[in-house]
Amino acid sequence: MSAPVPSNPEGACIIPNAPNVYVTCPATSRIRKVGVTVNDIQRTCRCCEYRGKPMADTLNELCR
Protein backbone atom coordinates (compact mmCIF):
# COMPACT_ATOMS: atom_id res chain seq x y z
CA MET A 1 0.00 0.00 0.00
CA SER A 2 1.17 3.51 -0.74
CA ALA A 3 1.76 6.15 1.89
CA PRO A 4 -1.32 7.41 3.74
CA VAL A 5 -3.25 10.12 1.98
CA PRO A 6 -2.78 13.53 3.64
CA SER A 7 -5.69 14.68 5.73
CA ASN A 8 -6.97 17.70 7.57
CA PRO A 9 -6.93 17.72 11.40
CA GLU A 10 -10.39 16.14 11.51
CA GLY A 11 -9.10 13.09 9.66
CA ALA A 12 -10.92 13.84 6.41
CA CYS A 13 -9.59 12.49 3.14
CA ILE A 14 -8.35 14.62 0.26
CA ILE A 15 -9.75 14.05 -3.23
CA PRO A 16 -6.60 13.80 -5.41
CA ASN A 17 -7.78 16.01 -8.27
CA ALA A 18 -9.43 18.52 -5.96
CA PRO A 19 -6.92 19.05 -3.14
CA ASN A 20 -8.96 21.87 -1.65
CA VAL A 21 -11.95 19.57 -1.18
CA TYR A 22 -11.99 17.44 1.96
CA VAL A 23 -14.30 14.45 2.35
CA THR A 24 -15.04 13.37 5.87
CA CYS A 25 -15.47 9.74 6.83
CA PRO A 26 -18.26 8.89 6.67
CA ALA A 27 -18.50 10.85 3.46
CA THR A 28 -21.72 12.48 2.33
CA SER A 29 -23.45 12.93 -0.99
CA ARG A 30 -21.69 16.30 -1.29
CA ILE A 31 -18.89 14.42 -3.02
CA ARG A 32 -21.14 14.19 -6.09
CA LYS A 33 -21.25 17.97 -6.39
CA VAL A 34 -17.55 18.71 -6.80
CA GLY A 35 -17.20 17.17 -10.26
CA VAL A 36 -14.50 14.62 -9.49
CA THR A 37 -14.16 11.28 -11.27
CA VAL A 38 -15.25 7.90 -9.96
CA ASN A 39 -11.55 7.03 -9.66
CA ASP A 40 -11.06 9.98 -7.32
CA ILE A 41 -14.00 8.81 -5.25
CA GLN A 42 -12.60 5.29 -5.09
CA ARG A 43 -9.26 6.67 -3.91
CA THR A 44 -11.11 8.54 -1.21
CA CYS A 45 -12.92 5.33 -0.26
CA ARG A 46 -9.59 3.56 0.11
CA CYS A 47 -8.33 6.43 2.26
CA CYS A 48 -11.36 6.10 4.50
CA GLU A 49 -10.92 2.33 4.70
CA TYR A 50 -7.23 2.79 5.53
CA ARG A 51 -8.16 5.04 8.43
CA GLY A 52 -10.76 2.54 9.65
CA LYS A 53 -13.63 4.98 9.26
CA PRO A 54 -17.15 4.05 8.11
CA MET A 55 -18.49 5.46 4.87
CA ALA A 56 -21.93 6.65 3.83
CA ASP A 57 -24.02 4.33 1.67
CA THR A 58 -23.75 6.61 -1.35
CA LEU A 59 -19.97 6.27 -1.28
CA ASN A 60 -20.00 2.56 -0.51
CA GLU A 61 -21.99 1.95 -3.69
CA LEU A 62 -19.13 3.39 -5.74
CA CYS A 63 -16.55 1.40 -3.80
CA ARG A 64 -17.91 -2.04 -4.67
PDB file of N, CA and C in Angstrom:
ATOM      1  N   MET A   1       0.836  -1.192   0.000  1.00  0.00           N
ATOM      2  CA  MET A   1       0.000   0.000   0.000  1.00  0.00           C
ATOM      3  C   MET A   1       0.873   1.246   0.000  1.00  0.00           C
ATOM      4  N   SER A   2       0.409   2.273  -0.672  1.00  0.00           N
ATOM      5  CA  SER A   2       1.166   3.510  -0.740  1.00  0.00           C
ATOM      6  C   SER A   2       1.077   4.248   0.592  1.00  0.00           C
ATOM      7  N   ALA A   3       1.779   5.359   0.672  1.00  0.00           N
ATOM      8  CA  ALA A   3       1.762   6.149   1.891  1.00  0.00           C
ATOM      9  C   ALA A   3       0.354   6.663   2.154  1.00  0.00           C
ATOM     10  N   PRO A   4       0.022   6.896   3.411  1.00  0.00           N
ATOM     11  CA  PRO A   4      -1.318   7.405   3.740  1.00  0.00           C
ATOM     12  C   PRO A   4      -1.607   8.713   3.012  1.00  0.00           C
ATOM     13  N   VAL A   5      -2.846   8.892   2.635  1.00  0.00           N
ATOM     14  CA  VAL A   5      -3.255  10.123   1.978  1.00  0.00           C
ATOM     15  C   VAL A   5      -3.278  11.244   3.014  1.00  0.00           C
ATOM     16  N   PRO A   6      -2.750  12.421   2.680  1.00  0.00           N
ATOM     17  CA  PRO A   6      -2.777  13.528   3.644  1.00  0.00           C
ATOM     18  C   PRO A   6      -4.207  13.842   4.072  1.00  0.00           C
ATOM     19  N   SER A   7      -4.349  14.377   5.251  1.00  0.00           N
ATOM     20  CA  SER A   7      -5.691  14.675   5.734  1.00  0.00           C
ATOM     21  C   SER A   7      -5.683  15.973   6.519  1.00  0.00           C
ATOM     22  N   ASN A   8      -6.857  16.528   6.720  1.00  0.00           N
ATOM     23  CA  ASN A   8      -6.965  17.702   7.573  1.00  0.00           C
ATOM     24  C   ASN A   8      -7.018  17.237   9.022  1.00  0.00           C
ATOM     25  N   PRO A   9      -6.977  18.139   9.992  1.00  0.00           N
ATOM     26  CA  PRO A   9      -6.932  17.719  11.400  1.00  0.00           C
ATOM     27  C   PRO A   9      -8.102  16.850  11.835  1.00  0.00           C
ATOM     28  N   GLU A  10      -9.238  16.943  11.126  1.00  0.00           N
ATOM     29  CA  GLU A  10     -10.394  16.140  11.507  1.00  0.00           C
ATOM     30  C   GLU A  10     -10.306  14.718  10.959  1.00  0.00           C
ATOM     31  N   GLY A  11      -9.246  14.427  10.195  1.00  0.00           N
ATOM     32  CA  GLY A  11      -9.096  13.092   9.656  1.00  0.00           C
ATOM     33  C   GLY A  11      -9.833  12.884   8.356  1.00  0.00           C
ATOM     34  N   ALA A  12     -10.233  13.967   7.681  1.00  0.00           N
ATOM     35  CA  ALA A  12     -10.920  13.840   6.406  1.00  0.00           C
ATOM     36  C   ALA A  12      -9.927  13.477   5.319  1.00  0.00           C
ATOM     37  N   CYS A  13     -10.436  12.902   4.250  1.00  0.00           N
ATOM     38  CA  CYS A  13      -9.586  12.492   3.138  1.00  0.00           C
ATOM     39  C   CYS A  13      -9.590  13.557   2.048  1.00  0.00           C
ATOM     40  N   ILE A  14      -8.454  13.659   1.356  1.00  0.00           N
ATOM     41  CA  ILE A  14      -8.349  14.615   0.263  1.00  0.00           C
ATOM     42  C   ILE A  14      -8.682  13.919  -1.047  1.00  0.00           C
ATOM     43  N   ILE A  15      -9.491  14.563  -1.884  1.00  0.00           N
ATOM     44  CA  ILE A  15      -9.748  14.049  -3.228  1.00  0.00           C
ATOM     45  C   ILE A  15      -8.562  14.459  -4.097  1.00  0.00           C
ATOM     46  N   PRO A  16      -7.862  13.498  -4.726  1.00  0.00           N
ATOM     47  CA  PRO A  16      -6.597  13.796  -5.407  1.00  0.00           C
ATOM     48  C   PRO A  16      -6.674  14.939  -6.414  1.00  0.00           C
ATOM     49  N   ASN A  17      -7.706  14.973  -7.241  1.00  0.00           N
ATOM     50  CA  ASN A  17      -7.776  16.006  -8.275  1.00  0.00           C
ATOM     51  C   ASN A  17      -8.442  17.281  -7.791  1.00  0.00           C
ATOM     52  N   ALA A  18      -8.822  17.318  -6.522  1.00  0.00           N
ATOM     53  CA  ALA A  18      -9.431  18.520  -5.960  1.00  0.00           C
ATOM     54  C   ALA A  18      -8.872  18.693  -4.545  1.00  0.00           C
ATOM     55  N   PRO A  19      -7.597  19.049  -4.437  1.00  0.00           N
ATOM     56  CA  PRO A  19      -6.917  19.047  -3.135  1.00  0.00           C
ATOM     57  C   PRO A  19      -7.508  20.005  -2.115  1.00  0.00           C
ATOM     58  N   ASN A  20      -8.334  20.941  -2.587  1.00  0.00           N
ATOM     59  CA  ASN A  20      -8.955  21.866  -1.647  1.00  0.00           C
ATOM     60  C   ASN A  20     -10.284  21.336  -1.130  1.00  0.00           C
ATOM     61  N   VAL A  21     -10.690  20.164  -1.609  1.00  0.00           N
ATOM     62  CA  VAL A  21     -11.953  19.569  -1.179  1.00  0.00           C
ATOM     63  C   VAL A  21     -11.650  18.417  -0.227  1.00  0.00           C
ATOM     64  N   TYR A  22     -12.188  18.496   0.983  1.00  0.00           N
ATOM     65  CA  TYR A  22     -11.991  17.436   1.960  1.00  0.00           C
ATOM     66  C   TYR A  22     -13.272  16.632   2.108  1.00  0.00           C
ATOM     67  N   VAL A  23     -13.144  15.324   2.164  1.00  0.00           N
ATOM     68  CA  VAL A  23     -14.296  14.448   2.346  1.00  0.00           C
ATOM     69  C   VAL A  23     -14.158  13.769   3.696  1.00  0.00           C
ATOM     70  N   THR A  24     -15.111  13.998   4.568  1.00  0.00           N
ATOM     71  CA  THR A  24     -15.044  13.371   5.874  1.00  0.00           C
ATOM     72  C   THR A  24     -15.468  11.911   5.775  1.00  0.00           C
ATOM     73  N   CYS A  25     -15.073  11.134   6.756  1.00  0.00           N
ATOM     74  CA  CYS A  25     -15.468   9.743   6.833  1.00  0.00           C
ATOM     75  C   CYS A  25     -16.350   9.588   8.060  1.00  0.00           C
ATOM     76  N   PRO A  26     -17.616   9.248   7.932  1.00  0.00           N
ATOM     77  CA  PRO A  26     -18.264   8.893   6.669  1.00  0.00           C
ATOM     78  C   PRO A  26     -18.472  10.087   5.737  1.00  0.00           C
ATOM     79  N   ALA A  27     -18.303   9.811   4.466  1.00  0.00           N
ATOM     80  CA  ALA A  27     -18.498  10.854   3.457  1.00  0.00           C
ATOM     81  C   ALA A  27     -19.985  11.061   3.204  1.00  0.00           C
ATOM     82  N   THR A  28     -20.320  12.201   2.634  1.00  0.00           N
ATOM     83  CA  THR A  28     -21.722  12.478   2.335  1.00  0.00           C
ATOM     84  C   THR A  28     -21.916  12.633   0.840  1.00  0.00           C
ATOM     85  N   SER A  29     -23.151  12.811   0.429  1.00  0.00           N
ATOM     86  CA  SER A  29     -23.452  12.932  -0.991  1.00  0.00           C
ATOM     87  C   SER A  29     -22.870  14.201  -1.593  1.00  0.00           C
ATOM     88  N   ARG A  30     -22.311  15.084  -0.764  1.00  0.00           N
ATOM     89  CA  ARG A  30     -21.691  16.297  -1.293  1.00  0.00           C
ATOM     90  C   ARG A  30     -20.560  15.978  -2.266  1.00  0.00           C
ATOM     91  N   ILE A  31     -19.991  14.800  -2.132  1.00  0.00           N
ATOM     92  CA  ILE A  31     -18.895  14.418  -3.018  1.00  0.00           C
ATOM     93  C   ILE A  31     -19.342  14.417  -4.482  1.00  0.00           C
ATOM     94  N   ARG A  32     -20.632  14.219  -4.720  1.00  0.00           N
ATOM     95  CA  ARG A  32     -21.138  14.193  -6.087  1.00  0.00           C
ATOM     96  C   ARG A  32     -21.193  15.593  -6.700  1.00  0.00           C
ATOM     97  N   LYS A  33     -21.072  16.612  -5.905  1.00  0.00           N
ATOM     98  CA  LYS A  33     -21.253  17.974  -6.386  1.00  0.00           C
ATOM     99  C   LYS A  33     -19.949  18.663  -6.776  1.00  0.00           C
ATOM    100  N   VAL A  34     -18.812  18.050  -6.537  1.00  0.00           N
ATOM    101  CA  VAL A  34     -17.545  18.713  -6.797  1.00  0.00           C
ATOM    102  C   VAL A  34     -16.960  18.340  -8.157  1.00  0.00           C
ATOM    103  N   GLY A  35     -17.633  17.467  -8.904  1.00  0.00           N
ATOM    104  CA  GLY A  35     -17.204  17.170 -10.265  1.00  0.00           C
ATOM    105  C   GLY A  35     -15.940  16.335 -10.378  1.00  0.00           C
ATOM    106  N   VAL A  36     -15.664  15.488  -9.402  1.00  0.00           N
ATOM    107  CA  VAL A  36     -14.502  14.616  -9.488  1.00  0.00           C
ATOM    108  C   VAL A  36     -14.885  13.309 -10.160  1.00  0.00           C
ATOM    109  N   THR A  37     -13.889  12.534 -10.565  1.00  0.00           N
ATOM    110  CA  THR A  37     -14.157  11.284 -11.266  1.00  0.00           C
ATOM    111  C   THR A  37     -14.444  10.161 -10.276  1.00  0.00           C
ATOM    112  N   VAL A  38     -14.994   9.068 -10.800  1.00  0.00           N
ATOM    113  CA  VAL A  38     -15.252   7.895  -9.958  1.00  0.00           C
ATOM    114  C   VAL A  38     -13.936   7.382  -9.376  1.00  0.00           C
ATOM    115  N   ASN A  39     -12.846   7.467 -10.166  1.00  0.00           N
ATOM    116  CA  ASN A  39     -11.545   7.026  -9.664  1.00  0.00           C
ATOM    117  C   ASN A  39     -11.134   7.845  -8.441  1.00  0.00           C
ATOM    118  N   ASP A  40     -11.381   9.134  -8.478  1.00  0.00           N
ATOM    119  CA  ASP A  40     -11.061   9.977  -7.325  1.00  0.00           C
ATOM    120  C   ASP A  40     -11.869   9.548  -6.113  1.00  0.00           C
ATOM    121  N   ILE A  41     -13.142   9.243  -6.347  1.00  0.00           N
ATOM    122  CA  ILE A  41     -14.004   8.814  -5.252  1.00  0.00           C
ATOM    123  C   ILE A  41     -13.506   7.490  -4.683  1.00  0.00           C
ATOM    124  N   GLN A  42     -13.090   6.581  -5.563  1.00  0.00           N
ATOM    125  CA  GLN A  42     -12.596   5.288  -5.091  1.00  0.00           C
ATOM    126  C   GLN A  42     -11.313   5.462  -4.286  1.00  0.00           C
ATOM    127  N   ARG A  43     -10.466   6.401  -4.696  1.00  0.00           N
ATOM    128  CA  ARG A  43      -9.259   6.668  -3.915  1.00  0.00           C
ATOM    129  C   ARG A  43      -9.631   7.172  -2.533  1.00  0.00           C
ATOM    130  N   THR A  44     -10.642   8.032  -2.493  1.00  0.00           N
ATOM    131  CA  THR A  44     -11.106   8.544  -1.213  1.00  0.00           C
ATOM    132  C   THR A  44     -11.676   7.418  -0.363  1.00  0.00           C
ATOM    133  N   CYS A  45     -12.392   6.494  -0.990  1.00  0.00           N
ATOM    134  CA  CYS A  45     -12.916   5.333  -0.262  1.00  0.00           C
ATOM    135  C   CYS A  45     -11.778   4.555   0.366  1.00  0.00           C
ATOM    136  N   ARG A  46     -10.711   4.320  -0.416  1.00  0.00           N
ATOM    137  CA  ARG A  46      -9.585   3.563   0.109  1.00  0.00           C
ATOM    138  C   ARG A  46      -8.929   4.304   1.261  1.00  0.00           C
ATOM    139  N   CYS A  47      -8.882   5.643   1.162  1.00  0.00           N
ATOM    140  CA  CYS A  47      -8.333   6.433   2.263  1.00  0.00           C
ATOM    141  C   CYS A  47      -9.173   6.230   3.515  1.00  0.00           C
ATOM    142  N   CYS A  48     -10.484   6.271   3.355  1.00  0.00           N
ATOM    143  CA  CYS A  48     -11.362   6.100   4.503  1.00  0.00           C
ATOM    144  C   CYS A  48     -11.207   4.710   5.094  1.00  0.00           C
ATOM    145  N   GLU A  49     -11.092   3.700   4.228  1.00  0.00           N
ATOM    146  CA  GLU A  49     -10.922   2.334   4.703  1.00  0.00           C
ATOM    147  C   GLU A  49      -9.594   2.200   5.443  1.00  0.00           C
ATOM    148  N   TYR A  50      -8.562   2.861   4.912  1.00  0.00           N
ATOM    149  CA  TYR A  50      -7.233   2.791   5.526  1.00  0.00           C
ATOM    150  C   TYR A  50      -7.262   3.366   6.934  1.00  0.00           C
ATOM    151  N   ARG A  51      -8.060   4.410   7.115  1.00  0.00           N
ATOM    152  CA  ARG A  51      -8.161   5.045   8.429  1.00  0.00           C
ATOM    153  C   ARG A  51      -9.183   4.350   9.329  1.00  0.00           C
ATOM    154  N   GLY A  52      -9.811   3.284   8.825  1.00  0.00           N
ATOM    155  CA  GLY A  52     -10.758   2.543   9.647  1.00  0.00           C
ATOM    156  C   GLY A  52     -12.041   3.299   9.953  1.00  0.00           C
ATOM    157  N   LYS A  53     -12.423   4.185   9.038  1.00  0.00           N
ATOM    158  CA  LYS A  53     -13.634   4.980   9.259  1.00  0.00           C
ATOM    159  C   LYS A  53     -14.777   4.433   8.407  1.00  0.00           C
ATOM    160  N   PRO A  54     -16.004   4.476   8.906  1.00  0.00           N
ATOM    161  CA  PRO A  54     -17.153   4.046   8.107  1.00  0.00           C
ATOM    162  C   PRO A  54     -17.462   5.058   7.015  1.00  0.00           C
ATOM    163  N   MET A  55     -18.132   4.588   5.973  1.00  0.00           N
ATOM    164  CA  MET A  55     -18.486   5.463   4.865  1.00  0.00           C
ATOM    165  C   MET A  55     -19.990   5.473   4.666  1.00  0.00           C
ATOM    166  N   ALA A  56     -20.506   6.553   4.103  1.00  0.00           N
ATOM    167  CA  ALA A  56     -21.931   6.649   3.827  1.00  0.00           C
ATOM    168  C   ALA A  56     -22.312   5.694   2.706  1.00  0.00           C
ATOM    169  N   ASP A  57     -23.569   5.291   2.665  1.00  0.00           N
ATOM    170  CA  ASP A  57     -24.022   4.326   1.669  1.00  0.00           C
ATOM    171  C   ASP A  57     -23.770   4.810   0.251  1.00  0.00           C
ATOM    172  N   THR A  58     -23.925   6.109   0.003  1.00  0.00           N
ATOM    173  CA  THR A  58     -23.748   6.612  -1.352  1.00  0.00           C
ATOM    174  C   THR A  58     -22.316   6.411  -1.828  1.00  0.00           C
ATOM    175  N   LEU A  59     -21.357   6.480  -0.915  1.00  0.00           N
ATOM    176  CA  LEU A  59     -19.965   6.273  -1.282  1.00  0.00           C
ATOM    177  C   LEU A  59     -19.648   4.792  -1.369  1.00  0.00           C
ATOM    178  N   ASN A  60     -20.239   4.000  -0.473  1.00  0.00           N
ATOM    179  CA  ASN A  60     -20.004   2.561  -0.513  1.00  0.00           C
ATOM    180  C   ASN A  60     -20.421   1.963  -1.854  1.00  0.00           C
ATOM    181  N   GLU A  61     -21.519   2.480  -2.415  1.00  0.00           N
ATOM    182  CA  GLU A  61     -21.995   1.953  -3.691  1.00  0.00           C
ATOM    183  C   GLU A  61     -20.906   2.059  -4.760  1.00  0.00           C
ATOM    184  N   LEU A  62     -20.171   3.183  -4.743  1.00  0.00           N
ATOM    185  CA  LEU A  62     -19.133   3.394  -5.742  1.00  0.00           C
ATOM    186  C   LEU A  62     -17.862   2.631  -5.423  1.00  0.00           C
ATOM    187  N   CYS A  63     -17.767   2.108  -4.202  1.00  0.00           N
ATOM    188  CA  CYS A  63     -16.551   1.399  -3.799  1.00  0.00           C
ATOM    189  C   CYS A  63     -16.624  -0.087  -4.105  1.00  0.00           C
ATOM    190  N   ARG A  64     -17.789  -0.600  -4.444  1.00  0.00           N
ATOM    191  CA  ARG A  64     -17.913  -2.036  -4.665  1.00  0.00           C
ATOM    192  C   ARG A  64     -17.249  -2.458  -5.957  1.00  0.00           C
TER     193      ARG A  64
END
